[in-house]
Amino acid sequence: MYFYDHRPRTAWIAWVAAAVMSLAALPALGQGDTLPGSCAGGELAACVQWCAEHHAGDAQREQRHACFDAAPDKTHRLDAAMAGPAAAPAIGPSPESPAAAVAATATGAADTRTPLERLWTEPDGVGFLPYHQSYLLLTQTSVPDNAPQSGNPANVVPYSYDLQHTEIKFAFSLKAMVASSSMLQHHNSIWFTYTQQSHWQALDAVHSRPFIESDYQPELVFSHRFGEALEARRGFQPLYFNLSLTHQSNGQSDPRSRSWNRITGQLGLVDRLGDDHSLALLIRPWYRIHEPVQSDNNPDIGHYLGYGEIEAIYWNGDNMLSLLARIRSAQLDFSTPLLFLNEGKPKKNALQFHVQLFSGYGESLIDYRQRHTTFGLGVSVPYGL
């Protein structure tokens, strides 16, 4: 029987060459290692089962792992070569899922997630992700708190000496996943977070450059994500809801001791403003877990810090502008890439130039009753970029 194809001969040559190259790229099989028919057809589950059965035990661990890696790739290369112009569909996560976005970024493709999505995408393995902003600033304060006050007379700090207006302020904040959504199902996960903010009188050599305050805030966070990914449209969309048990204290003894425990909620909303800029709105109400009056270091802290806060974060490319508002205070942060780090051009994931302005009560726990304004300049870690 004669067979005639109307396609040019060069197309046949290219097809045969592709098939030969694909077969040549396949790892060699050991004696007796014959792929099952279902695996040769491209079924990943059959390949995995076959590798586990034929390379069982610790002695064949390397062969088993090599089989896991090679079999799926082999079957897809073979299918692609034999199928000609129509390649077989790849096995993997949905292109709209966070996992797919992470995989796309690893291969150099554009990451279409918003910064807030990146901040709350489960890590691939064990690791830390940013929680709140982390920075190092040189600050100037309008009115230092030389004699911190409290609603509890036992925690009123007597005057000792005048603090300097200039100090170093730094904060770092991380989170780690404790239980993933694959364990809890229904897009639920559990995280442990840690945030620390410190104020250092670094220029006060007379008093041995003391740290006048460090606030420590660990949290256990239950997070529920509303679906795999945001829709490609304008308007605020709910991304997640968190419920956390929050402890914050300065770790000092009386009368400087300050602490409180809260149950904190957080609703994360995102508006896709464009391809490379978005607006996030974080609504955080909280309920304070009350303590006995005699042992409460700061019984009136709710009057000054309120019962929640709202944070708006705007990202435009590698630039970030945020506003954190409470009942009697506000904090404005702006960060942009340090241009000199990459021949005058912004460098992805490099340090940012950071500007901060705080005004009101409670910049730290020790001065929750002190109203002042602080301006700071320094550097920060990219947040959500």
Protein backbone atom coordinates (compact mmCIF):
# COMPACT_ATOMS: atom_id res chain seq x y z
CA MET A 1 0.00 0.00 0.00
CA TYR A 2 1.28 3.39 -0.93
CA PHE A 3 0.87 6.34 1.41
CA TYR A 4 0.94 9.89 0.15
CA ASP A 5 1.00 13.03 2.30
CA HIS A 6 0.45 16.49 0.85
CA ARG A 7 2.67 18.13 3.50
CA PRO A 8 6.16 19.23 2.37
CA ARG A 9 8.98 16.76 2.90
CA THR A 10 10.73 19.20 5.23
CA ALA A 11 7.80 18.91 7.68
CA TRP A 12 8.24 15.11 7.79
CA ILE A 13 11.96 15.50 8.38
CA ALA A 14 11.34 17.94 11.25
CA TRP A 15 8.72 15.61 12.76
CA VAL A 16 11.04 12.59 12.61
CA ALA A 17 13.93 14.62 14.07
CA ALA A 18 11.73 15.78 16.96
CA ALA A 19 10.66 12.21 17.69
CA VAL A 20 14.25 10.96 17.61
CA MET A 21 15.45 13.78 19.89
CA SER A 22 12.60 13.14 22.33
CA LEU A 23 13.36 9.43 22.48
CA ALA A 24 17.06 10.13 22.86
CA ALA A 25 16.37 12.43 25.81
CA LEU A 26 14.56 9.69 27.71
CA PRO A 27 16.55 8.24 30.61
CA ALA A 28 17.67 4.70 30.09
CA LEU A 29 15.62 2.00 31.83
CA GLY A 30 17.24 -0.76 33.77
CA GLN A 31 16.72 -4.39 32.96
CA GLY A 32 13.14 -5.36 33.66
CA ASP A 33 12.03 -1.69 33.90
CA THR A 34 9.25 -1.70 31.33
CA LEU A 35 6.72 1.10 31.58
CA PRO A 36 3.11 -0.04 31.92
CA GLY A 37 0.77 0.78 29.10
CA SER A 38 -1.19 3.34 31.13
CA CYS A 39 2.03 5.11 32.08
CA ALA A 40 3.23 5.12 28.49
CA GLY A 41 -0.10 6.73 27.67
CA GLY A 42 0.71 9.63 29.90
CA GLU A 43 -1.18 8.80 33.11
CA LEU A 44 0.86 10.27 35.96
CA ALA A 45 -0.79 8.21 38.72
CA ALA A 46 0.11 4.94 36.97
CA CYS A 47 3.73 6.09 36.59
CA VAL A 48 4.04 7.00 40.26
CA GLN A 49 2.56 3.68 41.38
CA TRP A 50 4.84 1.73 39.05
CA CYS A 51 7.95 3.55 40.31
CA ALA A 52 6.99 2.95 43.96
CA GLU A 53 6.43 -0.77 43.42
CA HIS A 54 9.52 -1.46 41.29
CA HIS A 55 11.96 0.63 43.37
CA ALA A 56 10.77 0.05 46.93
CA GLY A 57 12.82 0.38 50.10
CA ASP A 58 15.66 2.65 51.23
CA ALA A 59 18.24 0.84 49.12
CA GLN A 60 16.51 2.00 45.91
CA ARG A 61 15.55 5.48 47.09
CA GLU A 62 17.67 7.24 44.45
CA GLN A 63 16.33 5.03 41.66
CA ARG A 64 12.77 5.62 42.89
CA HIS A 65 13.19 9.40 42.96
CA ALA A 66 14.80 9.37 39.53
CA CYS A 67 11.88 7.30 38.26
CA PHE A 68 9.38 9.79 39.74
CA ASP A 69 11.16 12.66 38.00
CA ALA A 70 11.74 10.94 34.69
CA ALA A 71 8.56 8.98 34.01
CA PRO A 72 6.06 11.86 33.68
CA ASP A 73 8.49 13.98 31.66
CA LYS A 74 9.27 10.96 29.45
CA THR A 75 5.65 10.18 28.68
CA HIS A 76 4.84 13.79 27.90
CA ARG A 77 7.86 14.21 25.63
CA LEU A 78 6.93 10.97 23.85
CA ASP A 79 3.30 12.04 23.51
CA ALA A 80 4.31 15.47 22.24
CA ALA A 81 6.65 13.97 19.65
CA MET A 82 4.16 11.39 18.40
CA ALA A 83 1.26 13.84 18.37
CA GLY A 84 3.01 16.18 15.95
CA PRO A 85 1.78 19.79 15.99
CA ALA A 86 -0.81 19.20 18.77
CA ALA A 87 1.06 18.79 22.07
CA ALA A 88 -0.47 16.83 24.90
CA PRO A 89 -1.91 18.92 27.76
CA ALA A 90 0.45 19.27 30.73
CA ILE A 91 -0.44 17.97 34.14
CA GLY A 92 -0.32 20.71 36.77
CA PRO A 93 -2.30 23.22 38.79
CA SER A 94 -5.01 25.39 37.35
CA PRO A 95 -3.51 28.45 35.57
CA GLU A 96 -5.61 30.65 37.86
CA SER A 97 -4.42 29.07 41.12
CA PRO A 98 -1.75 30.58 43.45
CA ALA A 99 0.40 27.47 42.91
CA ALA A 100 0.32 28.05 39.16
CA ALA A 101 1.34 31.67 39.66
CA VAL A 102 4.31 30.59 41.77
CA ALA A 103 5.33 28.04 39.13
CA ALA A 104 4.98 30.63 36.38
CA THR A 105 7.24 33.03 38.25
CA ALA A 106 9.88 30.32 38.73
CA THR A 107 9.97 29.75 34.97
CA GLY A 108 10.28 33.45 34.19
CA ALA A 109 6.65 34.08 33.23
CA ALA A 110 4.79 37.13 34.48
CA ASP A 111 3.30 36.88 37.96
CA THR A 112 -0.27 38.16 37.70
CA ARG A 113 -1.00 38.04 41.45
CA THR A 114 -1.48 41.23 43.42
CA PRO A 115 1.02 41.92 46.24
CA LEU A 116 -1.57 41.01 48.88
CA GLU A 117 -2.13 37.66 47.15
CA ARG A 118 1.62 37.02 47.22
CA LEU A 119 1.72 37.84 50.93
CA TRP A 120 -0.93 35.20 51.67
CA THR A 121 0.04 32.47 49.18
CA GLU A 122 1.12 29.31 50.95
CA PRO A 123 4.88 28.74 50.63
CA ASP A 124 6.23 25.78 48.67
CA GLY A 125 7.76 23.98 51.62
CA VAL A 126 8.96 25.33 54.95
CA GLY A 127 9.81 29.01 55.08
CA PHE A 128 8.94 32.46 56.34
CA LEU A 129 6.87 35.13 54.63
CA PRO A 130 6.44 38.83 55.48
CA TYR A 131 3.56 39.62 57.84
CA HIS A 132 3.72 43.37 58.52
CA GLN A 133 6.29 45.82 57.16
CA SER A 134 9.93 45.47 58.24
CA TYR A 135 12.21 48.53 58.30
CA LEU A 136 15.16 50.35 59.90
CA LEU A 137 14.73 54.10 60.41
CA LEU A 138 16.46 57.11 61.89
CA THR A 139 13.63 59.06 63.54
CA GLN A 140 12.99 62.47 65.05
CA THR A 141 10.25 62.68 67.72
CA SER A 142 8.48 65.89 68.69
CA VAL A 143 7.90 65.04 72.38
CA PRO A 144 9.86 62.15 73.97
CA ASP A 145 7.97 60.30 76.71
CA ASN A 146 10.21 61.04 79.70
CA ALA A 147 7.68 59.86 82.31
CA PRO A 148 5.31 57.22 80.83
CA GLN A 149 1.80 57.28 82.30
CA SER A 150 -0.75 54.54 82.90
CA GLY A 151 -4.34 54.12 84.05
CA ASN A 152 -2.96 51.95 86.84
CA PRO A 153 -1.12 54.10 89.44
CA ALA A 154 1.29 51.23 90.08
CA ASN A 155 2.52 51.56 86.49
CA VAL A 156 3.19 55.29 86.38
CA VAL A 157 6.92 55.69 85.60
CA PRO A 158 8.64 58.52 87.51
CA TYR A 159 10.82 60.99 85.65
CA SER A 160 14.52 60.07 85.52
CA TYR A 161 16.15 62.05 82.69
CA ASP A 162 15.33 63.65 79.33
CA LEU A 163 15.30 61.29 76.38
CA GLN A 164 16.82 62.43 73.10
CA HIS A 165 14.52 63.41 70.26
CA THR A 166 16.57 61.42 67.75
CA GLU A 167 16.63 57.63 67.91
CA ILE A 168 16.68 54.50 65.77
CA LYS A 169 13.41 52.66 65.24
CA PHE A 170 13.28 49.24 63.65
CA ALA A 171 10.65 46.58 63.14
CA PHE A 172 10.55 43.12 61.65
CA SER A 173 7.55 40.88 61.11
CA LEU A 174 7.39 37.29 59.80
CA LYS A 175 4.91 34.47 59.54
CA ALA A 176 5.25 30.71 59.09
CA MET A 177 2.57 28.23 58.09
CA VAL A 178 1.66 25.67 60.75
CA ALA A 179 -1.11 23.81 58.88
CA SER A 180 -1.74 24.09 55.14
CA SER A 181 -5.01 24.13 53.22
CA SER A 182 -4.23 20.63 51.95
CA MET A 183 -4.47 19.46 55.57
CA LEU A 184 -7.45 21.56 56.68
CA GLN A 185 -9.30 21.68 53.33
CA HIS A 186 -11.73 24.40 52.15
CA HIS A 187 -8.93 26.99 51.69
CA ASN A 188 -8.20 27.10 55.44
CA SER A 189 -4.72 27.37 56.96
CA ILE A 190 -3.06 28.15 60.28
CA TRP A 191 -0.05 30.45 60.72
CA PHE A 192 2.26 31.55 63.51
CA THR A 193 3.44 35.15 63.28
CA TYR A 194 5.97 37.25 65.16
CA THR A 195 6.34 41.04 65.09
CA GLN A 196 8.84 43.14 67.01
CA GLN A 197 9.25 46.91 67.15
CA SER A 198 12.16 48.53 69.01
CA HIS A 199 13.22 52.07 69.88
CA TRP A 200 16.93 52.61 70.45
CA GLN A 201 18.53 55.79 71.84
CA ALA A 202 21.64 55.03 69.82
CA LEU A 203 23.09 58.56 70.07
CA ASP A 204 22.81 58.81 73.86
CA ALA A 205 26.32 57.78 74.85
CA VAL A 206 25.95 59.33 78.32
CA HIS A 207 23.32 56.74 79.28
CA SER A 208 24.99 53.81 77.46
CA ARG A 209 22.77 54.03 74.36
CA PRO A 210 19.76 52.25 75.89
CA PHE A 211 16.88 50.48 74.20
CA ILE A 212 14.01 52.35 75.81
CA GLU A 213 11.28 50.10 74.41
CA SER A 214 10.81 46.83 72.52
CA ASP A 215 7.31 45.50 71.88
CA TYR A 216 6.88 41.80 71.13
CA GLN A 217 3.77 40.51 69.37
CA PRO A 218 3.32 36.79 68.64
CA GLU A 219 0.04 35.63 67.06
CA LEU A 220 -1.65 32.38 66.16
CA VAL A 221 -3.70 33.01 63.03
CA PHE A 222 -6.49 30.97 61.46
CA SER A 223 -6.87 32.07 57.83
CA HIS A 224 -9.68 31.37 55.38
CA ARG A 225 -9.13 32.27 51.73
CA PHE A 226 -12.10 33.05 49.52
CA GLY A 227 -11.32 30.85 46.52
CA GLU A 228 -8.18 30.15 44.54
CA ALA A 229 -7.64 33.53 42.87
CA LEU A 230 -9.16 36.95 42.34
CA GLU A 231 -11.25 37.73 39.30
CA ALA A 232 -9.66 39.86 36.59
CA ARG A 233 -11.88 42.88 37.15
CA ARG A 234 -12.02 46.23 38.93
CA GLY A 235 -13.65 46.76 42.29
CA PHE A 236 -12.87 45.44 45.76
CA GLN A 237 -12.91 41.66 46.10
CA PRO A 238 -12.57 39.71 49.37
CA LEU A 239 -9.33 37.72 49.43
CA TYR A 240 -9.19 36.27 52.96
CA PHE A 241 -10.50 36.48 56.51
CA ASN A 242 -8.20 35.89 59.46
CA LEU A 243 -8.99 35.25 63.10
CA SER A 244 -6.05 35.42 65.50
CA LEU A 245 -5.10 35.22 69.15
CA THR A 246 -2.77 38.19 69.70
CA HIS A 247 -0.42 38.87 72.60
CA GLN A 248 1.59 42.08 72.82
CA SER A 249 3.93 43.12 75.62
CA ASN A 250 7.18 44.97 76.23
CA GLY A 251 8.71 42.34 78.50
CA GLN A 252 9.57 44.77 81.28
CA SER A 253 8.86 44.73 85.01
CA ASP A 254 6.67 47.20 86.88
CA PRO A 255 6.23 50.07 86.65
CA ARG A 256 7.31 49.99 82.96
CA SER A 257 5.44 46.78 82.16
CA ARG A 258 2.78 47.07 79.45
CA SER A 259 0.79 44.20 77.90
CA TRP A 260 -2.58 43.14 76.56
CA ASN A 261 -4.20 40.13 74.87
CA ARG A 262 -6.72 40.35 72.05
CA ILE A 263 -8.83 38.33 69.67
CA THR A 264 -8.25 39.99 66.32
CA GLY A 265 -10.14 39.64 63.05
CA GLN A 266 -8.87 40.78 59.69
CA LEU A 267 -10.72 41.07 56.39
CA GLY A 268 -8.48 41.53 53.35
CA LEU A 269 -9.98 43.24 50.28
CA VAL A 270 -8.20 43.93 46.99
CA ASP A 271 -9.00 46.19 44.05
CA ARG A 272 -7.11 45.41 40.82
CA LEU A 273 -6.45 48.92 39.51
CA GLY A 274 -4.28 47.78 36.62
CA ASP A 275 -1.65 45.32 35.46
CA ASP A 276 0.99 46.45 37.94
CA HIS A 277 -0.85 48.40 40.60
CA SER A 278 -3.52 47.54 43.13
CA LEU A 279 -5.17 48.80 46.31
CA ALA A 280 -5.65 46.64 49.41
CA LEU A 281 -7.96 47.45 52.31
CA LEU A 282 -7.34 45.59 55.59
CA ILE A 283 -10.01 45.89 58.26
CA ARG A 284 -8.88 44.69 61.71
CA PRO A 285 -11.36 44.81 64.59
CA TRP A 286 -10.27 43.35 67.92
CA TYR A 287 -11.65 42.43 71.31
CA ARG A 288 -9.46 42.81 74.35
CA ILE A 289 -9.33 39.88 76.78
CA HIS A 290 -9.74 41.63 80.11
CA GLU A 291 -7.45 41.10 83.07
CA PRO A 292 -8.00 41.61 86.82
CA VAL A 293 -7.94 45.34 87.61
CA GLN A 294 -5.11 45.02 90.12
CA SER A 295 -2.74 43.33 87.63
CA ASP A 296 -3.75 45.29 84.52
CA ASN A 297 -0.74 47.40 83.46
CA ASN A 298 -2.80 49.54 81.11
CA PRO A 299 -6.53 49.34 81.91
CA ASP A 300 -7.44 52.32 79.71
CA ILE A 301 -5.43 51.33 76.62
CA GLY A 302 -8.61 50.83 74.59
CA HIS A 303 -9.49 54.50 75.05
CA TYR A 304 -6.28 55.54 73.28
CA LEU A 305 -5.70 52.72 70.79
CA GLY A 306 -9.35 51.95 70.09
CA TYR A 307 -11.02 48.67 69.19
CA GLY A 308 -9.54 48.11 65.79
CA GLU A 309 -7.67 49.68 62.90
CA ILE A 310 -7.93 50.10 59.14
CA GLU A 311 -4.96 49.88 56.81
CA ALA A 312 -4.97 50.92 53.15
CA ILE A 313 -2.00 49.85 51.00
CA TYR A 314 -1.42 51.05 47.43
CA TRP A 315 1.16 49.33 45.24
CA ASN A 316 2.34 50.85 41.95
CA GLY A 317 5.05 48.72 40.43
CA ASP A 318 7.81 48.48 43.05
CA ASN A 319 6.51 51.48 45.00
CA MET A 320 4.28 51.20 48.05
CA LEU A 321 2.20 53.74 49.98
CA SER A 322 0.26 52.74 53.11
CA LEU A 323 -1.92 54.46 55.69
CA LEU A 324 -2.67 52.86 59.07
CA ALA A 325 -5.50 54.58 60.96
CA ARG A 326 -6.70 54.09 64.54
CA ILE A 327 -9.12 56.11 66.62
CA ARG A 328 -6.42 58.52 67.90
CA SER A 329 -3.41 57.95 65.65
CA ALA A 330 -2.30 57.54 62.06
CA GLN A 331 0.86 56.27 60.39
CA LEU A 332 1.91 56.91 56.80
CA ASP A 333 4.60 54.78 55.11
CA PHE A 334 6.16 55.14 51.65
CA SER A 335 8.84 52.93 50.11
CA THR A 336 10.54 52.88 46.73
CA PRO A 337 13.54 50.95 45.35
CA LEU A 338 17.05 52.21 46.05
CA LEU A 339 18.03 53.09 42.48
CA PHE A 340 21.80 52.81 42.89
CA LEU A 341 21.63 49.09 43.69
CA ASN A 342 21.33 48.04 40.04
CA GLU A 343 23.14 50.52 37.79
CA GLY A 344 20.59 53.24 38.41
CA LYS A 345 17.56 51.01 37.84
CA PRO A 346 15.19 49.50 40.42
CA LYS A 347 16.27 46.01 41.42
CA LYS A 348 13.57 43.47 42.23
CA ASN A 349 13.53 42.36 45.88
CA ALA A 350 16.30 44.80 46.81
CA LEU A 351 16.17 47.11 49.81
CA GLN A 352 13.72 50.00 49.60
CA PHE A 353 14.14 53.62 50.59
CA HIS A 354 11.54 54.14 53.35
CA VAL A 355 9.78 57.24 54.72
CA GLN A 356 7.47 57.09 57.76
CA LEU A 357 5.29 59.66 59.52
CA PHE A 358 3.45 58.84 62.76
CA SER A 359 1.15 61.15 64.68
CA GLY A 360 -1.02 60.43 67.71
CA TYR A 361 -1.04 58.06 70.67
CA GLY A 362 0.59 54.67 71.06
CA GLU A 363 3.54 54.52 68.69
CA SER A 364 4.79 51.97 71.22
CA LEU A 365 3.15 50.33 74.23
CA ILE A 366 5.06 52.33 76.85
CA ASP A 367 3.76 55.64 75.45
CA TYR A 368 0.17 54.63 74.72
CA ARG A 369 -0.88 57.74 76.70
CA GLN A 370 1.70 60.01 75.06
CA ARG A 371 0.74 62.06 72.00
CA HIS A 372 3.56 63.00 69.67
CA THR A 373 4.68 63.13 66.04
CA THR A 374 7.60 61.10 64.68
CA PHE A 375 9.27 61.40 61.28
CA GLY A 376 11.68 58.73 60.05
CA LEU A 377 13.94 57.94 57.08
CA GLY A 378 15.69 54.67 56.35
CA VAL A 379 15.43 51.39 54.50
CA SER A 380 12.89 48.58 54.41
CA VAL A 381 12.41 45.09 53.05
CA PRO A 382 10.13 44.92 49.96
CA TYR A 383 6.60 44.23 51.14
CA GLY A 384 4.47 42.08 48.88
CA LEU A 385 6.78 42.59 45.89
